Structure formats: structure tokens, C-alpha cells
N, C-alpha and C. Protein backbone atom coordinates (compact mmCIF):
# COMPACT_ATOMS: atom_id res chain seq x y z
N MET A 1 -28.82 -18.46 30.54
CA MET A 1 -30.09 -18.46 29.83
C MET A 1 -29.94 -17.71 28.51
N SER A 2 -30.54 -18.20 27.45
CA SER A 2 -30.46 -17.56 26.15
C SER A 2 -31.83 -17.06 25.72
N VAL A 3 -31.82 -15.98 24.95
CA VAL A 3 -33.04 -15.45 24.37
C VAL A 3 -32.80 -15.24 22.89
N LEU A 4 -33.86 -15.29 22.10
CA LEU A 4 -33.72 -15.02 20.67
C LEU A 4 -33.55 -13.54 20.45
N GLN A 5 -32.63 -13.19 19.57
CA GLN A 5 -32.40 -11.81 19.20
C GLN A 5 -32.71 -11.68 17.72
N VAL A 6 -33.29 -10.58 17.32
CA VAL A 6 -33.57 -10.35 15.91
C VAL A 6 -32.33 -9.76 15.27
N GLU A 7 -31.88 -10.34 14.18
CA GLU A 7 -30.76 -9.80 13.42
C GLU A 7 -31.34 -9.10 12.19
N HIS A 8 -30.58 -8.19 11.64
CA HIS A 8 -31.02 -7.42 10.49
C HIS A 8 -31.61 -8.31 9.41
N SER A 9 -32.86 -8.07 9.05
CA SER A 9 -33.50 -8.77 7.94
C SER A 9 -34.60 -7.86 7.43
N ARG A 10 -34.93 -8.00 6.18
CA ARG A 10 -35.94 -7.12 5.59
C ARG A 10 -37.33 -7.37 6.15
N ASN A 11 -37.65 -8.60 6.55
CA ASN A 11 -39.00 -8.88 7.03
C ASN A 11 -39.13 -8.78 8.54
N GLY A 12 -38.04 -8.53 9.25
CA GLY A 12 -38.08 -8.33 10.68
C GLY A 12 -38.29 -9.59 11.50
N LYS A 13 -38.25 -10.77 10.88
CA LYS A 13 -38.44 -12.01 11.62
C LYS A 13 -37.16 -12.40 12.34
N ALA A 14 -37.34 -13.03 13.50
CA ALA A 14 -36.18 -13.51 14.25
C ALA A 14 -35.54 -14.67 13.49
N LEU A 15 -34.22 -14.68 13.48
CA LEU A 15 -33.50 -15.77 12.85
C LEU A 15 -33.34 -16.89 13.87
N ALA A 16 -33.60 -18.11 13.46
CA ALA A 16 -33.59 -19.24 14.38
C ALA A 16 -32.22 -19.44 15.03
N ASN A 17 -31.14 -19.13 14.31
CA ASN A 17 -29.81 -19.35 14.86
C ASN A 17 -29.19 -18.09 15.45
N ALA A 18 -29.94 -17.03 15.59
CA ALA A 18 -29.42 -15.78 16.16
C ALA A 18 -29.68 -15.78 17.66
N ARG A 19 -28.80 -16.41 18.43
CA ARG A 19 -28.98 -16.52 19.87
C ARG A 19 -27.91 -15.71 20.59
N ALA A 20 -28.30 -15.10 21.68
CA ALA A 20 -27.35 -14.33 22.49
C ALA A 20 -27.81 -14.40 23.94
N THR A 21 -26.95 -14.03 24.85
CA THR A 21 -27.34 -14.03 26.25
C THR A 21 -28.23 -12.83 26.54
N ALA A 22 -28.98 -12.94 27.59
CA ALA A 22 -29.91 -11.86 27.95
C ALA A 22 -29.18 -10.57 28.26
N GLU A 23 -27.91 -10.64 28.73
CA GLU A 23 -27.16 -9.45 29.07
C GLU A 23 -26.71 -8.66 27.84
N SER A 24 -26.62 -9.28 26.68
CA SER A 24 -26.09 -8.60 25.50
C SER A 24 -27.22 -8.15 24.58
N THR A 25 -28.00 -7.18 25.03
CA THR A 25 -29.12 -6.71 24.24
C THR A 25 -28.76 -5.49 23.39
N ALA A 26 -27.53 -5.02 23.49
CA ALA A 26 -27.12 -3.86 22.70
C ALA A 26 -27.07 -4.20 21.23
N CYS A 27 -27.35 -3.23 20.40
CA CYS A 27 -27.30 -3.39 18.96
C CYS A 27 -26.23 -2.46 18.40
N PHE A 28 -25.73 -2.80 17.25
CA PHE A 28 -24.68 -2.02 16.60
C PHE A 28 -25.11 -1.60 15.21
N VAL A 29 -24.77 -0.38 14.85
CA VAL A 29 -24.90 0.09 13.48
C VAL A 29 -23.49 0.07 12.92
N TYR A 30 -23.34 -0.43 11.70
CA TYR A 30 -22.00 -0.57 11.15
C TYR A 30 -21.95 -0.13 9.70
N VAL A 31 -20.75 0.24 9.28
CA VAL A 31 -20.50 0.57 7.88
C VAL A 31 -19.38 -0.35 7.41
N LEU A 32 -19.63 -1.05 6.32
CA LEU A 32 -18.64 -1.93 5.71
C LEU A 32 -18.10 -1.29 4.45
N GLY A 33 -16.90 -1.65 4.10
CA GLY A 33 -16.30 -1.18 2.85
C GLY A 33 -15.82 -2.36 2.04
N SER A 34 -15.75 -2.18 0.73
CA SER A 34 -15.29 -3.23 -0.17
C SER A 34 -14.65 -2.60 -1.39
N ILE A 35 -13.52 -3.18 -1.80
CA ILE A 35 -12.83 -2.72 -3.00
C ILE A 35 -12.93 -3.83 -4.02
N GLY A 36 -13.49 -3.52 -5.19
CA GLY A 36 -13.66 -4.53 -6.23
C GLY A 36 -13.35 -3.98 -7.59
N ALA A 37 -13.55 -4.80 -8.60
CA ALA A 37 -13.29 -4.40 -9.98
C ALA A 37 -14.15 -3.20 -10.38
N ASP A 38 -15.33 -3.09 -9.79
CA ASP A 38 -16.23 -1.98 -10.12
C ASP A 38 -16.09 -0.81 -9.14
N GLY A 39 -15.01 -0.78 -8.39
CA GLY A 39 -14.73 0.35 -7.52
C GLY A 39 -14.98 0.09 -6.05
N TYR A 40 -14.95 1.16 -5.29
CA TYR A 40 -15.12 1.12 -3.84
C TYR A 40 -16.59 1.25 -3.49
N ARG A 41 -17.06 0.42 -2.55
CA ARG A 41 -18.45 0.48 -2.12
C ARG A 41 -18.55 0.45 -0.61
N THR A 42 -19.63 1.01 -0.09
CA THR A 42 -19.92 0.91 1.33
C THR A 42 -21.29 0.28 1.51
N TYR A 43 -21.50 -0.28 2.69
CA TYR A 43 -22.78 -0.88 3.04
C TYR A 43 -23.06 -0.54 4.50
N VAL A 44 -24.29 -0.14 4.80
CA VAL A 44 -24.69 0.20 6.17
C VAL A 44 -25.73 -0.82 6.64
N GLY A 45 -25.56 -1.30 7.87
CA GLY A 45 -26.52 -2.24 8.43
C GLY A 45 -26.52 -2.16 9.94
N TRP A 46 -27.32 -3.03 10.57
CA TRP A 46 -27.34 -3.10 12.03
C TRP A 46 -27.42 -4.56 12.45
N THR A 47 -26.93 -4.86 13.64
CA THR A 47 -26.91 -6.22 14.15
C THR A 47 -26.71 -6.20 15.66
N ASN A 48 -26.81 -7.36 16.29
CA ASN A 48 -26.46 -7.45 17.71
C ASN A 48 -25.16 -8.24 17.89
N ASP A 49 -24.52 -8.66 16.80
CA ASP A 49 -23.25 -9.40 16.85
C ASP A 49 -22.41 -9.01 15.63
N LEU A 50 -21.51 -8.06 15.81
CA LEU A 50 -20.72 -7.53 14.68
C LEU A 50 -19.86 -8.59 13.99
N GLU A 51 -19.13 -9.36 14.76
CA GLU A 51 -18.23 -10.35 14.16
C GLU A 51 -19.00 -11.38 13.35
N ARG A 52 -20.09 -11.86 13.89
CA ARG A 52 -20.91 -12.86 13.19
C ARG A 52 -21.51 -12.27 11.91
N ARG A 53 -21.98 -11.04 12.01
CA ARG A 53 -22.61 -10.41 10.84
C ARG A 53 -21.60 -10.18 9.72
N LEU A 54 -20.40 -9.71 10.06
CA LEU A 54 -19.36 -9.52 9.04
C LEU A 54 -19.00 -10.85 8.40
N ALA A 55 -18.90 -11.90 9.20
CA ALA A 55 -18.60 -13.24 8.66
C ALA A 55 -19.70 -13.69 7.70
N ARG A 56 -20.95 -13.40 8.02
CA ARG A 56 -22.07 -13.78 7.12
C ARG A 56 -21.99 -13.00 5.81
N HIS A 57 -21.68 -11.71 5.88
CA HIS A 57 -21.54 -10.93 4.65
C HIS A 57 -20.43 -11.52 3.78
N ASN A 58 -19.30 -11.83 4.37
CA ASN A 58 -18.16 -12.35 3.61
C ASN A 58 -18.37 -13.77 3.13
N ALA A 59 -19.27 -14.51 3.76
CA ALA A 59 -19.58 -15.88 3.33
C ALA A 59 -20.64 -15.90 2.23
N GLY A 60 -21.17 -14.73 1.89
CA GLY A 60 -22.17 -14.66 0.82
C GLY A 60 -23.58 -14.95 1.30
N ILE A 61 -23.81 -14.94 2.61
CA ILE A 61 -25.15 -15.18 3.12
C ILE A 61 -25.69 -13.97 3.89
N GLY A 62 -25.06 -12.82 3.67
CA GLY A 62 -25.55 -11.58 4.25
C GLY A 62 -26.59 -10.97 3.32
N ALA A 63 -26.69 -9.69 3.32
CA ALA A 63 -27.62 -8.99 2.44
C ALA A 63 -27.28 -9.27 0.97
N ARG A 64 -28.27 -9.33 0.15
CA ARG A 64 -28.06 -9.65 -1.27
C ARG A 64 -27.08 -8.69 -1.95
N SER A 65 -27.14 -7.43 -1.59
CA SER A 65 -26.26 -6.44 -2.23
C SER A 65 -24.80 -6.58 -1.82
N THR A 66 -24.51 -7.39 -0.80
CA THR A 66 -23.12 -7.56 -0.37
C THR A 66 -22.50 -8.86 -0.87
N ARG A 67 -23.25 -9.69 -1.55
CA ARG A 67 -22.75 -10.99 -1.97
C ARG A 67 -21.70 -10.87 -3.06
N GLY A 68 -20.69 -11.74 -2.98
CA GLY A 68 -19.66 -11.79 -4.01
C GLY A 68 -18.54 -10.79 -3.83
N ARG A 69 -18.46 -10.15 -2.69
CA ARG A 69 -17.43 -9.16 -2.42
C ARG A 69 -16.79 -9.45 -1.07
N ALA A 70 -15.56 -9.01 -0.89
CA ALA A 70 -14.89 -9.11 0.41
C ALA A 70 -15.11 -7.80 1.15
N TRP A 71 -15.64 -7.88 2.35
CA TRP A 71 -16.01 -6.70 3.13
C TRP A 71 -15.13 -6.57 4.37
N PHE A 72 -14.89 -5.33 4.80
CA PHE A 72 -14.15 -5.05 6.01
C PHE A 72 -14.90 -3.95 6.78
N LEU A 73 -14.78 -3.98 8.08
CA LEU A 73 -15.48 -3.04 8.95
C LEU A 73 -14.78 -1.69 8.93
N LEU A 74 -15.52 -0.65 8.61
CA LEU A 74 -15.00 0.72 8.60
C LEU A 74 -15.40 1.49 9.84
N TYR A 75 -16.61 1.23 10.36
CA TYR A 75 -17.16 2.07 11.41
C TYR A 75 -18.26 1.30 12.12
N ALA A 76 -18.41 1.52 13.42
CA ALA A 76 -19.49 0.90 14.19
C ALA A 76 -19.88 1.80 15.35
N GLU A 77 -21.16 1.78 15.69
CA GLU A 77 -21.70 2.50 16.83
C GLU A 77 -22.54 1.53 17.66
N ARG A 78 -22.51 1.68 18.97
CA ARG A 78 -23.32 0.85 19.85
C ARG A 78 -24.56 1.61 20.27
N HIS A 79 -25.70 0.93 20.26
CA HIS A 79 -26.97 1.53 20.69
C HIS A 79 -27.64 0.59 21.68
N GLU A 80 -28.37 1.16 22.61
CA GLU A 80 -29.00 0.37 23.67
C GLU A 80 -30.26 -0.36 23.22
N SER A 81 -30.87 0.05 22.12
CA SER A 81 -32.10 -0.61 21.67
C SER A 81 -32.07 -0.83 20.16
N ARG A 82 -32.86 -1.77 19.75
CA ARG A 82 -33.01 -2.08 18.33
C ARG A 82 -33.57 -0.87 17.57
N GLU A 83 -34.53 -0.19 18.18
CA GLU A 83 -35.16 0.96 17.54
C GLU A 83 -34.15 2.07 17.28
N GLU A 84 -33.28 2.35 18.28
CA GLU A 84 -32.25 3.37 18.11
C GLU A 84 -31.30 2.99 16.97
N ALA A 85 -30.90 1.73 16.94
CA ALA A 85 -29.97 1.27 15.91
C ALA A 85 -30.60 1.36 14.52
N MET A 86 -31.85 0.98 14.40
CA MET A 86 -32.52 1.03 13.10
C MET A 86 -32.69 2.47 12.63
N SER A 87 -32.98 3.37 13.55
CA SER A 87 -33.12 4.78 13.19
C SER A 87 -31.78 5.34 12.72
N ARG A 88 -30.72 5.04 13.44
CA ARG A 88 -29.39 5.53 13.05
C ARG A 88 -28.95 4.93 11.72
N GLU A 89 -29.27 3.65 11.49
CA GLU A 89 -28.96 3.02 10.20
C GLU A 89 -29.63 3.79 9.06
N TRP A 90 -30.89 4.14 9.26
CA TRP A 90 -31.64 4.87 8.24
C TRP A 90 -30.93 6.19 7.91
N HIS A 91 -30.47 6.90 8.94
CA HIS A 91 -29.79 8.18 8.72
C HIS A 91 -28.44 7.99 8.04
N LEU A 92 -27.67 7.00 8.46
CA LEU A 92 -26.36 6.77 7.84
C LEU A 92 -26.47 6.34 6.39
N LYS A 93 -27.50 5.59 6.06
CA LYS A 93 -27.68 5.17 4.66
C LYS A 93 -27.89 6.38 3.75
N ARG A 94 -28.45 7.43 4.27
CA ARG A 94 -28.72 8.62 3.48
C ARG A 94 -27.60 9.66 3.55
N ASN A 95 -26.63 9.45 4.41
CA ASN A 95 -25.53 10.39 4.58
C ASN A 95 -24.33 9.95 3.74
N ARG A 96 -24.40 10.18 2.46
CA ARG A 96 -23.34 9.72 1.55
C ARG A 96 -22.01 10.44 1.80
N SER A 97 -22.04 11.68 2.22
CA SER A 97 -20.78 12.39 2.48
C SER A 97 -20.02 11.74 3.64
N PHE A 98 -20.73 11.30 4.67
CA PHE A 98 -20.09 10.60 5.78
C PHE A 98 -19.47 9.29 5.29
N ARG A 99 -20.24 8.54 4.50
CA ARG A 99 -19.75 7.25 3.99
C ARG A 99 -18.56 7.42 3.05
N LYS A 100 -18.53 8.50 2.28
CA LYS A 100 -17.39 8.74 1.38
C LYS A 100 -16.12 9.07 2.16
N ARG A 101 -16.26 9.69 3.33
CA ARG A 101 -15.10 10.02 4.15
C ARG A 101 -14.48 8.79 4.81
N LEU A 102 -15.26 7.73 4.94
CA LEU A 102 -14.75 6.49 5.52
C LEU A 102 -14.05 5.70 4.44
N THR A 103 -12.76 5.55 4.57
CA THR A 103 -12.02 4.78 3.57
C THR A 103 -11.08 3.81 4.26
N HIS A 104 -10.76 2.77 3.56
CA HIS A 104 -9.80 1.79 4.04
C HIS A 104 -8.41 2.39 3.91
N PRO A 105 -7.50 2.07 4.82
CA PRO A 105 -6.14 2.64 4.73
C PRO A 105 -5.43 2.35 3.41
N ASP A 106 -5.81 1.30 2.71
CA ASP A 106 -5.16 0.94 1.44
C ASP A 106 -5.72 1.71 0.25
N CYS A 107 -6.73 2.53 0.48
CA CYS A 107 -7.35 3.28 -0.65
C CYS A 107 -6.65 4.58 -0.90
């Protein structure tokens, strides 16, 4: 049996193609890194499917601020509820010192 899961979006609406099994209700907070002509950047978000979300970011259909760059996963945390994940995302977005310590091995 499948249920709709909400994936990270600014308006909080469920995405029609974001389907998962009822057993996989855990959410993840993640930090992505990218190296480009304008330097090193990080991005913090949350999702219920890390691999799919990273693929969307790299395909240019993720968050607007991540488009046009190649992203790699630096860090992830698992949370039992969407609310916990969203709260942790909010804190990580404001913790720049933590994000600066996360670097790709090639940096």
C-alpha cells in the first residue's frame, strides 16, 4: 500500500509523484555541497527520500537556489517526524560554522 508523502516545498503541498510505502515515514535533514566558479556553497533541506531529492537538485528541478550546479551529499540526519526534520533544518540553516566545517574531500 502506498501513501502520499510531502517532500520539501515552500508551500507545503504534497507532490503528486512523491510516493512512498507506509513503513518509510522517516524524514531526513541533509546538507549538500557544491564547488563552482563562484566558490564553495552549501544547501540545507529536508526530504523523505535522500537519493531522489539529490537527483532532483542535480537535474535542475530542486530548489531554485540549487539550479545550475552539481551537488553532493555532505551530511544527513534521520528524524521520525516531518516536524522534527523541519525544525532541525531551520537550526542547521542558521548554523554557518557547522556548515563551513563540512567540506568535500577534494576541497
